[in-house]
């Protein structure tokens, strides 16, 4: 079995690679090749012999040809740039978030056998103003280039699946915590930043108010959902080939209080509030969520804020 991970140097991609490197089997079959690609890749400690690195730009045909020299059985397509970078550079977003995905799907269409493709879409496909409640029937009207391009790839994956070229599954990710601090962060990264700064005992100015609401899952939970998406029965998926993942709706102030219970009440003083109206409108006003379809497919979340924080901190160093 050949498994491919694009965007493998990213927060989720690196963690997924590390987990798969500890496995001998996936979906009941022996792993014979695990290929990962990104512009640059960090070494994996105690990497198995079946791990293969393909460094380079997925937009380049030569990189995709090298990646798929051996036909893929499973593809975790995680490659992309953040919402912030997409807003700052439309051409780059078109190239990386859209055109590279289109080219990858075309390469997969010409394989000798059908690949199962798990694509990490985003709740960014829901635009503002957000409705009071979101469910499986909520209209998709993105208001950022990032969400627009994610939605376009969702549609392509559904169409390629309809035509029998791939077995596609798009999962709309909520906020994943706790991402490492980055110079070029996603516009929605404040929840991760709160966790990282409070865990390290450093000051943080939050760009949303304490009552800003976000949908969150931990990194371990995210990995579980991606793996479940890959192995769940194709017949159970809707014709849209997309689900919005279950998530906990958490107020930023609740997240701070949960962290204070772990590290001490004095750490709440580390967080100051300087709300940005535009960021809060797009990323801090998430309404109640009904994910009936995903629930029926067996997807889940972290269940409680306490468990969310505990699991988020499994990969976060503390002071």
C-alpha atoms as a PDB file:
ATOM      1  CA  UNK A   1       0.000   0.000   0.000  1.00  0.00           C
ATOM      2  CA  UNK A   2       1.251   3.461  -0.948  1.00  0.00           C
ATOM      3  CA  UNK A   3       0.133   6.420   1.199  1.00  0.00           C
ATOM      4  CA  UNK A   4       0.847  10.014   0.145  1.00  0.00           C
ATOM      5  CA  UNK A   5       0.803  13.110   2.368  1.00  0.00           C
ATOM      6  CA  UNK A   6       0.991  16.577   0.820  1.00  0.00           C
ATOM      7  CA  UNK A   7       1.765  19.558   3.032  1.00  0.00           C
ATOM      8  CA  UNK A   8       3.699  17.126   5.220  1.00  0.00           C
ATOM      9  CA  UNK A   9       5.842  19.804   6.875  1.00  0.00           C
ATOM     10  CA  UNK A  10       2.801  21.541   8.318  1.00  0.00           C
ATOM     11  CA  UNK A  11       1.425  21.181  11.818  1.00  0.00           C
ATOM     12  CA  UNK A  12      -1.084  18.467  10.921  1.00  0.00           C
ATOM     13  CA  UNK A  13       0.969  16.868   8.146  1.00  0.00           C
ATOM     14  CA  UNK A  14       4.054  16.345  10.294  1.00  0.00           C
ATOM     15  CA  UNK A  15       1.989  14.803  13.106  1.00  0.00           C
ATOM     16  CA  UNK A  16       0.156  12.527  10.665  1.00  0.00           C
ATOM     17  CA  UNK A  17       3.457  11.404   9.134  1.00  0.00           C
ATOM     18  CA  UNK A  18       4.913  10.628  12.557  1.00  0.00           C
ATOM     19  CA  UNK A  19       1.882   8.521  13.463  1.00  0.00           C
ATOM     20  CA  UNK A  20       1.875   6.563  10.225  1.00  0.00           C
ATOM     21  CA  UNK A  21       5.601   5.919  10.628  1.00  0.00           C
ATOM     22  CA  UNK A  22       4.770   3.912  13.773  1.00  0.00           C
ATOM     23  CA  UNK A  23       2.368   1.655  11.887  1.00  0.00           C
ATOM     24  CA  UNK A  24       3.026  -1.425   9.793  1.00  0.00           C
ATOM     25  CA  UNK A  25      -0.533  -1.704   8.482  1.00  0.00           C
ATOM     26  CA  UNK A  26      -3.259   0.712   7.429  1.00  0.00           C
ATOM     27  CA  UNK A  27      -6.839  -0.200   6.545  1.00  0.00           C
ATOM     28  CA  UNK A  28      -5.899  -3.855   6.984  1.00  0.00           C
ATOM     29  CA  UNK A  29      -3.070  -3.744   4.425  1.00  0.00           C
ATOM     30  CA  UNK A  30       0.710  -3.561   4.950  1.00  0.00           C
ATOM     31  CA  UNK A  31       2.238  -0.141   4.286  1.00  0.00           C
ATOM     32  CA  UNK A  32       4.887  -0.568   1.619  1.00  0.00           C
ATOM     33  CA  UNK A  33       5.481   3.115   0.895  1.00  0.00           C
ATOM     34  CA  UNK A  34       4.720   6.370   2.726  1.00  0.00           C
ATOM     35  CA  UNK A  35       5.564   9.366   0.556  1.00  0.00           C
ATOM     36  CA  UNK A  36       5.504  12.855   1.985  1.00  0.00           C
ATOM     37  CA  UNK A  37       6.045  16.131   0.202  1.00  0.00           C
ATOM     38  CA  UNK A  38       6.517  19.815   1.015  1.00  0.00           C
ATOM     39  CA  UNK A  39       8.919  22.604   0.152  1.00  0.00           C
ATOM     40  CA  UNK A  40      11.243  21.414   2.949  1.00  0.00           C
ATOM     41  CA  UNK A  41      10.884  18.448   5.285  1.00  0.00           C
ATOM     42  CA  UNK A  42      12.100  17.855   8.828  1.00  0.00           C
ATOM     43  CA  UNK A  43      13.742  14.506   9.586  1.00  0.00           C
ATOM     44  CA  UNK A  44      11.567  11.881  11.270  1.00  0.00           C
ATOM     45  CA  UNK A  45      13.281  10.201  14.197  1.00  0.00           C
ATOM     46  CA  UNK A  46      13.570   6.429  13.732  1.00  0.00           C
ATOM     47  CA  UNK A  47      11.972   6.709  10.293  1.00  0.00           C
ATOM     48  CA  UNK A  48      10.914   3.371   8.794  1.00  0.00           C
ATOM     49  CA  UNK A  49      12.410   2.136   5.558  1.00  0.00           C
ATOM     50  CA  UNK A  50       9.121   2.700   3.746  1.00  0.00           C
ATOM     51  CA  UNK A  51       9.215   6.512   4.280  1.00  0.00           C
ATOM     52  CA  UNK A  52      10.161   8.473   1.161  1.00  0.00           C
ATOM     53  CA  UNK A  53      10.691  12.243   1.021  1.00  0.00           C
ATOM     54  CA  UNK A  54       9.874  14.328  -2.040  1.00  0.00           C
ATOM     55  CA  UNK A  55      10.926  17.921  -1.398  1.00  0.00           C
ATOM     56  CA  UNK A  56       9.641  20.597  -3.740  1.00  0.00           C
ATOM     57  CA  UNK A  57       6.698  22.650  -4.888  1.00  0.00           C
ATOM     58  CA  UNK A  58       3.520  20.638  -5.492  1.00  0.00           C
ATOM     59  CA  UNK A  59       2.676  23.144  -8.219  1.00  0.00           C
ATOM     60  CA  UNK A  60       5.545  21.674 -10.265  1.00  0.00           C
ATOM     61  CA  UNK A  61       4.683  18.724 -12.507  1.00  0.00           C
ATOM     62  CA  UNK A  62       8.059  17.097 -11.834  1.00  0.00           C
ATOM     63  CA  UNK A  63       7.339  16.988  -8.087  1.00  0.00           C
ATOM     64  CA  UNK A  64       3.910  15.411  -8.601  1.00  0.00           C
ATOM     65  CA  UNK A  65       5.350  12.881 -11.066  1.00  0.00           C
ATOM     66  CA  UNK A  66       8.023  11.865  -8.561  1.00  0.00           C
ATOM     67  CA  UNK A  67       5.440  11.691  -5.776  1.00  0.00           C
ATOM     68  CA  UNK A  68       3.129   9.437  -7.803  1.00  0.00           C
ATOM     69  CA  UNK A  69       5.750   7.407  -9.644  1.00  0.00           C
ATOM     70  CA  UNK A  70       4.229   4.530  -7.728  1.00  0.00           C
ATOM     71  CA  UNK A  71       0.410   4.817  -7.874  1.00  0.00           C
ATOM     72  CA  UNK A  72      -1.104   6.016  -4.599  1.00  0.00           C
ATOM     73  CA  UNK A  73      -3.726   4.075  -2.681  1.00  0.00           C
ATOM     74  CA  UNK A  74      -4.459   6.801  -0.112  1.00  0.00           C
ATOM     75  CA  UNK A  75      -3.744  10.518  -0.429  1.00  0.00           C
ATOM     76  CA  UNK A  76      -4.006  12.936   2.482  1.00  0.00           C
ATOM     77  CA  UNK A  77      -4.065  16.276   0.672  1.00  0.00           C
ATOM     78  CA  UNK A  78      -3.155  18.850   3.319  1.00  0.00           C
ATOM     79  CA  UNK A  79      -1.056  21.276   1.272  1.00  0.00           C
ATOM     80  CA  UNK A  80      -2.101  24.914   1.264  1.00  0.00           C
ATOM     81  CA  UNK A  81      -1.348  28.421   2.484  1.00  0.00           C
ATOM     82  CA  UNK A  82      -3.110  30.128   5.395  1.00  0.00           C
ATOM     83  CA  UNK A  83      -6.109  32.423   5.244  1.00  0.00           C
ATOM     84  CA  UNK A  84      -3.879  35.408   6.071  1.00  0.00           C
ATOM     85  CA  UNK A  85      -1.460  34.721   3.238  1.00  0.00           C
ATOM     86  CA  UNK A  86      -4.322  33.983   0.856  1.00  0.00           C
ATOM     87  CA  UNK A  87      -5.853  37.405   1.558  1.00  0.00           C
ATOM     88  CA  UNK A  88      -2.492  39.113   1.119  1.00  0.00           C
ATOM     89  CA  UNK A  89      -1.566  37.319  -2.108  1.00  0.00           C
ATOM     90  CA  UNK A  90      -4.425  36.161  -4.322  1.00  0.00           C
ATOM     91  CA  UNK A  91      -2.112  34.837  -7.040  1.00  0.00           C
ATOM     92  CA  UNK A  92      -0.281  32.638  -4.551  1.00  0.00           C
ATOM     93  CA  UNK A  93      -3.549  31.295  -3.164  1.00  0.00           C
ATOM     94  CA  UNK A  94      -4.807  30.517  -6.653  1.00  0.00           C
ATOM     95  CA  UNK A  95      -1.582  28.683  -7.423  1.00  0.00           C
ATOM     96  CA  UNK A  96      -1.157  26.745  -4.166  1.00  0.00           C
ATOM     97  CA  UNK A  97      -4.678  26.286  -2.803  1.00  0.00           C
ATOM     98  CA  UNK A  98      -6.472  25.773  -6.105  1.00  0.00           C
ATOM     99  CA  UNK A  99      -4.300  25.059  -9.134  1.00  0.00           C
ATOM    100  CA  UNK A 100      -1.961  22.597  -7.393  1.00  0.00           C
ATOM    101  CA  UNK A 101      -5.011  20.702  -6.145  1.00  0.00           C
ATOM    102  CA  UNK A 102      -6.491  20.609  -9.649  1.00  0.00           C
ATOM    103  CA  UNK A 103      -3.211  19.311 -11.063  1.00  0.00           C
ATOM    104  CA  UNK A 104      -2.921  16.653  -8.348  1.00  0.00           C
ATOM    105  CA  UNK A 105      -6.437  15.419  -9.086  1.00  0.00           C
ATOM    106  CA  UNK A 106      -5.583  15.185 -12.766  1.00  0.00           C
ATOM    107  CA  UNK A 107      -2.493  13.118 -11.962  1.00  0.00           C
ATOM    108  CA  UNK A 108      -4.596  10.814  -9.803  1.00  0.00           C
ATOM    109  CA  UNK A 109      -7.224  10.510 -12.544  1.00  0.00           C
ATOM    110  CA  UNK A 110      -4.626   8.926 -14.810  1.00  0.00           C
ATOM    111  CA  UNK A 111      -3.418   6.359 -12.282  1.00  0.00           C
ATOM    112  CA  UNK A 112      -3.810   2.651 -12.958  1.00  0.00           C
ATOM    113  CA  UNK A 113      -6.189   2.349  -9.988  1.00  0.00           C
ATOM    114  CA  UNK A 114      -8.482   4.626  -7.977  1.00  0.00           C
ATOM    115  CA  UNK A 115      -7.032   6.414  -4.948  1.00  0.00           C
ATOM    116  CA  UNK A 116      -8.899   7.365  -1.800  1.00  0.00           C
ATOM    117  CA  UNK A 117      -8.328  11.102  -1.314  1.00  0.00           C
ATOM    118  CA  UNK A 118      -8.860  12.866   2.025  1.00  0.00           C
ATOM    119  CA  UNK A 119      -8.856  16.634   1.535  1.00  0.00           C
ATOM    120  CA  UNK A 120      -8.613  19.055   4.444  1.00  0.00           C
ATOM    121  CA  UNK A 121     -11.152  21.721   3.671  1.00  0.00           C
ATOM    122  CA  UNK A 122     -12.140  24.347   6.221  1.00  0.00           C
ATOM    123  CA  UNK A 123     -15.038  25.963   8.036  1.00  0.00           C
ATOM    124  CA  UNK A 124     -13.725  29.011   6.187  1.00  0.00           C
ATOM    125  CA  UNK A 125     -16.179  28.063   3.425  1.00  0.00           C
ATOM    126  CA  UNK A 126     -18.883  29.642   5.620  1.00  0.00           C
ATOM    127  CA  UNK A 127     -18.822  33.376   5.009  1.00  0.00           C
ATOM    128  CA  UNK A 128     -19.959  36.346   7.028  1.00  0.00           C
ATOM    129  CA  UNK A 129     -22.364  37.369   8.326  1.00  0.00           C
ATOM    130  CA  UNK A 130     -22.722  33.943   9.911  1.00  0.00           C
ATOM    131  CA  UNK A 131     -26.229  32.610  10.589  1.00  0.00           C
ATOM    132  CA  UNK A 132     -27.424  31.883  14.124  1.00  0.00           C
ATOM    133  CA  UNK A 133     -27.006  28.142  13.555  1.00  0.00           C
ATOM    134  CA  UNK A 134     -25.074  26.006  11.082  1.00  0.00           C
ATOM    135  CA  UNK A 135     -26.016  22.501   9.960  1.00  0.00           C
ATOM    136  CA  UNK A 136     -25.607  20.255   6.931  1.00  0.00           C
ATOM    137  CA  UNK A 137     -28.080  22.330   4.915  1.00  0.00           C
ATOM    138  CA  UNK A 138     -26.488  25.751   5.548  1.00  0.00           C
ATOM    139  CA  UNK A 139     -25.688  27.538   2.258  1.00  0.00           C
ATOM    140  CA  UNK A 140     -21.975  27.852   1.488  1.00  0.00           C
ATOM    141  CA  UNK A 141     -21.068  31.480   0.792  1.00  0.00           C
ATOM    142  CA  UNK A 142     -17.360  32.113   1.508  1.00  0.00           C
ATOM    143  CA  UNK A 143     -16.229  35.702   1.976  1.00  0.00           C
ATOM    144  CA  UNK A 144     -12.461  35.103   1.945  1.00  0.00           C
ATOM    145  CA  UNK A 145     -10.295  33.856  -0.930  1.00  0.00           C
ATOM    146  CA  UNK A 146      -9.111  30.998   1.290  1.00  0.00           C
ATOM    147  CA  UNK A 147     -12.663  29.736   1.809  1.00  0.00           C
ATOM    148  CA  UNK A 148     -13.547  30.268  -1.836  1.00  0.00           C
ATOM    149  CA  UNK A 149     -10.642  28.157  -3.044  1.00  0.00           C
ATOM    150  CA  UNK A 150     -11.337  25.443  -0.465  1.00  0.00           C
ATOM    151  CA  UNK A 151     -14.933  25.290  -1.682  1.00  0.00           C
ATOM    152  CA  UNK A 152     -13.818  25.017  -5.298  1.00  0.00           C
ATOM    153  CA  UNK A 153     -11.621  22.022  -4.460  1.00  0.00           C
ATOM    154  CA  UNK A 154     -14.518  20.423  -2.546  1.00  0.00           C
ATOM    155  CA  UNK A 155     -16.611  20.658  -5.706  1.00  0.00           C
ATOM    156  CA  UNK A 156     -13.841  19.218  -7.868  1.00  0.00           C
ATOM    157  CA  UNK A 157     -13.363  16.288  -5.500  1.00  0.00           C
ATOM    158  CA  UNK A 158     -17.105  15.576  -5.606  1.00  0.00           C
ATOM    159  CA  UNK A 159     -17.075  15.687  -9.394  1.00  0.00           C
ATOM    160  CA  UNK A 160     -14.000  13.475  -9.796  1.00  0.00           C
ATOM    161  CA  UNK A 161     -15.603  11.025  -7.363  1.00  0.00           C
ATOM    162  CA  UNK A 162     -18.892  11.081  -9.315  1.00  0.00           C
ATOM    163  CA  UNK A 163     -16.973  10.243 -12.475  1.00  0.00           C
ATOM    164  CA  UNK A 164     -15.165   7.375 -10.738  1.00  0.00           C
ATOM    165  CA  UNK A 165     -11.670   8.856 -11.008  1.00  0.00           C
ATOM    166  CA  UNK A 166     -11.049   8.999  -7.246  1.00  0.00           C
ATOM    167  CA  UNK A 167     -12.810   8.124  -4.001  1.00  0.00           C
ATOM    168  CA  UNK A 168     -12.822  11.595  -2.472  1.00  0.00           C
ATOM    169  CA  UNK A 169     -13.661  12.710   1.058  1.00  0.00           C
ATOM    170  CA  UNK A 170     -13.469  16.400   2.046  1.00  0.00           C
ATOM    171  CA  UNK A 171     -13.534  17.236   5.739  1.00  0.00           C
ATOM    172  CA  UNK A 172     -14.077  20.816   6.880  1.00  0.00           C
ATOM    173  CA  UNK A 173     -11.655  21.359   9.728  1.00  0.00           C
ATOM    174  CA  UNK A 174     -12.521  23.657  12.627  1.00  0.00           C
ATOM    175  CA  UNK A 175      -9.784  25.374  14.658  1.00  0.00           C
ATOM    176  CA  UNK A 176      -7.025  22.890  15.587  1.00  0.00           C
ATOM    177  CA  UNK A 177      -5.143  23.548  18.819  1.00  0.00           C
ATOM    178  CA  UNK A 178      -2.494  24.134  19.785  1.00  0.00           C
ATOM    179  CA  UNK A 179      -0.577  25.140  16.674  1.00  0.00           C
ATOM    180  CA  UNK A 180       2.947  26.481  17.322  1.00  0.00           C
ATOM    181  CA  UNK A 181       3.483  30.226  17.305  1.00  0.00           C
ATOM    182  CA  UNK A 182       4.261  31.408  13.792  1.00  0.00           C
ATOM    183  CA  UNK A 183       5.425  34.645  12.213  1.00  0.00           C
ATOM    184  CA  UNK A 184       2.875  34.130   9.428  1.00  0.00           C
ATOM    185  CA  UNK A 185      -0.137  32.716  11.216  1.00  0.00           C
ATOM    186  CA  UNK A 186      -3.668  32.041  10.104  1.00  0.00           C
ATOM    187  CA  UNK A 187      -6.113  34.807  10.950  1.00  0.00           C
ATOM    188  CA  UNK A 188      -7.918  32.299  13.178  1.00  0.00           C
ATOM    189  CA  UNK A 189      -4.813  31.272  15.153  1.00  0.00           C
ATOM    190  CA  UNK A 190      -5.671  33.208  18.327  1.00  0.00           C
ATOM    191  CA  UNK A 191      -7.024  30.120  20.117  1.00  0.00           C
ATOM    192  CA  UNK A 192      -3.730  28.287  19.621  1.00  0.00           C
ATOM    193  CA  UNK A 193      -1.800  31.408  20.567  1.00  0.00           C
ATOM    194  CA  UNK A 194      -3.716  31.664  23.861  1.00  0.00           C
ATOM    195  CA  UNK A 195      -2.807  28.061  24.682  1.00  0.00           C
ATOM    196  CA  UNK A 196       0.849  28.448  23.710  1.00  0.00           C
ATOM    197  CA  UNK A 197       1.393  31.688  25.628  1.00  0.00           C
ATOM    198  CA  UNK A 198      -0.428  30.615  28.779  1.00  0.00           C
ATOM    199  CA  UNK A 199       1.387  27.261  28.772  1.00  0.00           C
ATOM    200  CA  UNK A 200       4.735  29.062  28.414  1.00  0.00           C
ATOM    201  CA  UNK A 201       3.841  31.774  30.940  1.00  0.00           C
ATOM    202  CA  UNK A 202       4.258  34.653  28.459  1.00  0.00           C
ATOM    203  CA  UNK A 203       2.058  37.678  27.788  1.00  0.00           C
ATOM    204  CA  UNK A 204      -0.395  37.690  24.904  1.00  0.00           C
ATOM    205  CA  UNK A 205      -2.626  40.360  23.390  1.00  0.00           C
ATOM    206  CA  UNK A 206      -5.716  38.615  22.034  1.00  0.00           C
ATOM    207  CA  UNK A 207      -7.246  40.088  18.841  1.00  0.00           C
ATOM    208  CA  UNK A 208     -10.784  39.022  19.814  1.00  0.00           C
ATOM    209  CA  UNK A 209     -12.912  39.550  22.915  1.00  0.00           C
ATOM    210  CA  UNK A 210     -13.281  37.058  25.749  1.00  0.00           C
ATOM    211  CA  UNK A 211     -16.770  36.131  24.525  1.00  0.00           C
ATOM    212  CA  UNK A 212     -15.596  35.364  20.980  1.00  0.00           C
ATOM    213  CA  UNK A 213     -16.806  31.877  20.048  1.00  0.00           C
ATOM    214  CA  UNK A 214     -14.788  29.351  18.070  1.00  0.00           C
ATOM    215  CA  UNK A 215     -15.168  25.717  16.993  1.00  0.00           C
ATOM    216  CA  UNK A 216     -12.183  23.746  18.283  1.00  0.00           C
ATOM    217  CA  UNK A 217     -10.680  20.255  18.319  1.00  0.00           C
ATOM    218  CA  UNK A 218      -7.260  19.103  19.517  1.00  0.00           C
ATOM    219  CA  UNK A 219      -4.506  17.891  17.204  1.00  0.00           C
ATOM    220  CA  UNK A 220      -4.861  14.246  18.375  1.00  0.00           C
ATOM    221  CA  UNK A 221      -8.598  14.439  17.689  1.00  0.00           C
ATOM    222  CA  UNK A 222      -7.926  15.932  14.251  1.00  0.00           C
ATOM    223  CA  UNK A 223      -5.631  13.042  13.323  1.00  0.00           C
ATOM    224  CA  UNK A 224      -8.259  10.539  14.452  1.00  0.00           C
ATOM    225  CA  UNK A 225     -10.864  12.204  12.225  1.00  0.00           C
ATOM    226  CA  UNK A 226      -8.601  12.252   9.152  1.00  0.00           C
ATOM    227  CA  UNK A 227      -7.777   8.582   9.565  1.00  0.00           C
ATOM    228  CA  UNK A 228     -11.447   7.772  10.075  1.00  0.00           C
ATOM    229  CA  UNK A 229     -12.308   9.715   6.922  1.00  0.00           C
ATOM    230  CA  UNK A 230      -9.892   7.547   4.950  1.00  0.00           C
ATOM    231  CA  UNK A 231     -11.215   4.180   6.118  1.00  0.00           C
ATOM    232  CA  UNK A 232     -14.954   4.872   6.456  1.00  0.00           C
ATOM    233  CA  UNK A 233     -17.144   3.140   3.829  1.00  0.00           C
ATOM    234  CA  UNK A 234     -17.443   5.059   0.579  1.00  0.00           C
ATOM    235  CA  UNK A 235     -21.124   4.105   0.388  1.00  0.00           C
ATOM    236  CA  UNK A 236     -21.821   6.036   3.597  1.00  0.00           C
ATOM    237  CA  UNK A 237     -20.610   9.357   2.183  1.00  0.00           C
ATOM    238  CA  UNK A 238     -23.063  11.799   0.593  1.00  0.00           C
ATOM    239  CA  UNK A 239     -22.827  12.697  -3.079  1.00  0.00           C
ATOM    240  CA  UNK A 240     -21.264  16.003  -2.029  1.00  0.00           C
ATOM    241  CA  UNK A 241     -18.355  13.970  -0.586  1.00  0.00           C
ATOM    242  CA  UNK A 242     -17.960  16.552   2.183  1.00  0.00           C
ATOM    243  CA  UNK A 243     -18.718  16.832   5.896  1.00  0.00           C
ATOM    244  CA  UNK A 244     -18.232  19.537   8.490  1.00  0.00           C
ATOM    245  CA  UNK A 245     -16.422  17.920  11.407  1.00  0.00           C
ATOM    246  CA  UNK A 246     -17.944  17.970  14.902  1.00  0.00           C
ATOM    247  CA  UNK A 247     -16.289  20.491  17.214  1.00  0.00           C
ATOM    248  CA  UNK A 248     -16.681  22.053  20.629  1.00  0.00           C
ATOM    249  CA  UNK A 249     -18.010  25.605  20.584  1.00  0.00           C
ATOM    250  CA  UNK A 250     -15.685  27.383  23.017  1.00  0.00           C
ATOM    251  CA  UNK A 251     -15.601  31.016  24.138  1.00  0.00           C
ATOM    252  CA  UNK A 252     -12.076  32.416  24.256  1.00  0.00           C
ATOM    253  CA  UNK A 253     -12.659  33.388  27.880  1.00  0.00           C
ATOM    254  CA  UNK A 254     -13.635  29.781  28.659  1.00  0.00           C
ATOM    255  CA  UNK A 255     -10.387  28.610  27.100  1.00  0.00           C
ATOM    256  CA  UNK A 256      -8.430  31.056  29.279  1.00  0.00           C
ATOM    257  CA  UNK A 257     -10.255  29.892  32.404  1.00  0.00           C
ATOM    258  CA  UNK A 258      -9.658  26.238  31.538  1.00  0.00           C
ATOM    259  CA  UNK A 259      -5.937  26.921  31.154  1.00  0.00           C
ATOM    260  CA  UNK A 260      -5.922  28.873  34.428  1.00  0.00           C
ATOM    261  CA  UNK A 261      -7.310  25.821  36.201  1.00  0.00           C
ATOM    262  CA  UNK A 262      -4.277  23.908  34.959  1.00  0.00           C
ATOM    263  CA  UNK A 263      -1.544  26.511  35.460  1.00  0.00           C
ATOM    264  CA  UNK A 264      -2.910  28.822  38.138  1.00  0.00           C
ATOM    265  CA  UNK A 265      -5.292  31.779  38.267  1.00  0.00           C
ATOM    266  CA  UNK A 266      -2.416  34.275  37.999  1.00  0.00           C
ATOM    267  CA  UNK A 267      -1.887  33.267  34.371  1.00  0.00           C
ATOM    268  CA  UNK A 268      -5.143  34.940  33.362  1.00  0.00           C
ATOM    269  CA  UNK A 269      -3.254  38.222  33.873  1.00  0.00           C
ATOM    270  CA  UNK A 270      -1.013  37.276  30.952  1.00  0.00           C
ATOM    271  CA  UNK A 271      -3.884  37.752  28.492  1.00  0.00           C
ATOM    272  CA  UNK A 272      -4.976  41.238  27.492  1.00  0.00           C
ATOM    273  CA  UNK A 273      -7.852  41.881  25.130  1.00  0.00           C
ATOM    274  CA  UNK A 274      -7.648  44.095  22.053  1.00  0.00           C
ATOM    275  CA  UNK A 275     -10.511  42.992  19.790  1.00  0.00           C
ATOM    276  CA  UNK A 276     -10.231  43.517  16.044  1.00  0.00           C
ATOM    277  CA  UNK A 277     -13.772  43.836  14.672  1.00  0.00           C
ATOM    278  CA  UNK A 278     -12.937  42.251  11.308  1.00  0.00           C
ATOM    279  CA  UNK A 279     -11.139  39.246  12.819  1.00  0.00           C
ATOM    280  CA  UNK A 280     -13.876  38.702  15.385  1.00  0.00           C
ATOM    281  CA  UNK A 281     -16.626  38.908  12.751  1.00  0.00           C
ATOM    282  CA  UNK A 282     -14.958  36.292  10.529  1.00  0.00           C
ATOM    283  CA  UNK A 283     -13.361  34.008  13.126  1.00  0.00           C
ATOM    284  CA  UNK A 284     -14.858  34.763  16.539  1.00  0.00           C
ATOM    285  CA  UNK A 285     -18.599  34.604  16.042  1.00  0.00           C
ATOM    286  CA  UNK A 286     -19.149  30.927  15.323  1.00  0.00           C
ATOM    287  CA  UNK A 287     -22.761  29.963  16.094  1.00  0.00           C
ATOM    288  CA  UNK A 288     -24.167  26.690  17.394  1.00  0.00           C
ATOM    289  CA  UNK A 289     -23.320  23.707  15.191  1.00  0.00           C
ATOM    290  CA  UNK A 290     -25.229  20.592  14.133  1.00  0.00           C
ATOM    291  CA  UNK A 291     -23.101  17.962  12.369  1.00  0.00           C
ATOM    292  CA  UNK A 292     -25.688  15.185  12.046  1.00  0.00           C
ATOM    293  CA  UNK A 293     -24.155  13.802   8.856  1.00  0.00           C
ATOM    294  CA  UNK A 294     -20.648  13.626  10.302  1.00  0.00           C
ATOM    295  CA  UNK A 295     -21.992  12.101  13.514  1.00  0.00           C
ATOM    296  CA  UNK A 296     -23.724   9.373  11.519  1.00  0.00           C
ATOM    297  CA  UNK A 297     -20.438   8.669   9.721  1.00  0.00           C
ATOM    298  CA  UNK A 298     -18.724   8.160  13.074  1.00  0.00           C
ATOM    299  CA  UNK A 299     -16.833  11.436  13.433  1.00  0.00           C
ATOM    300  CA  UNK A 300     -16.499  13.020  16.869  1.00  0.00           C
ATOM    301  CA  UNK A 301     -14.771  15.774  18.898  1.00  0.00           C
ATOM    302  CA  UNK A 302     -12.997  16.099  22.263  1.00  0.00           C
ATOM    303  CA  UNK A 303     -16.287  16.049  24.253  1.00  0.00           C
ATOM    304  CA  UNK A 304     -15.323  18.532  27.026  1.00  0.00           C
ATOM    305  CA  UNK A 305     -13.221  21.699  27.299  1.00  0.00           C
ATOM    306  CA  UNK A 306     -11.077  19.980  29.927  1.00  0.00           C
ATOM    307  CA  UNK A 307     -10.309  17.093  27.572  1.00  0.00           C
ATOM    308  CA  UNK A 308      -9.764  19.494  24.675  1.00  0.00           C
ATOM    309  CA  UNK A 309      -7.122  21.390  26.659  1.00  0.00           C
ATOM    310  CA  UNK A 310      -5.521  18.200  27.970  1.00  0.00           C
ATOM    311  CA  UNK A 311      -5.151  16.733  24.477  1.00  0.00           C
ATOM    312  CA  UNK A 312      -4.045  20.042  22.961  1.00  0.00           C
ATOM    313  CA  UNK A 313      -1.255  20.226  25.513  1.00  0.00           C
ATOM    314  CA  UNK A 314       0.054  16.751  24.699  1.00  0.00           C
ATOM    315  CA  UNK A 315       2.189  18.355  22.003  1.00  0.00           C
ATOM    316  CA  UNK A 316       2.669  21.724  23.726  1.00  0.00           C
ATOM    317  CA  UNK A 317       5.646  22.306  26.051  1.00  0.00           C
ATOM    318  CA  UNK A 318       4.757  23.884  29.401  1.00  0.00           C
ATOM    319  CA  UNK A 319       6.813  26.095  31.691  1.00  0.00           C
END
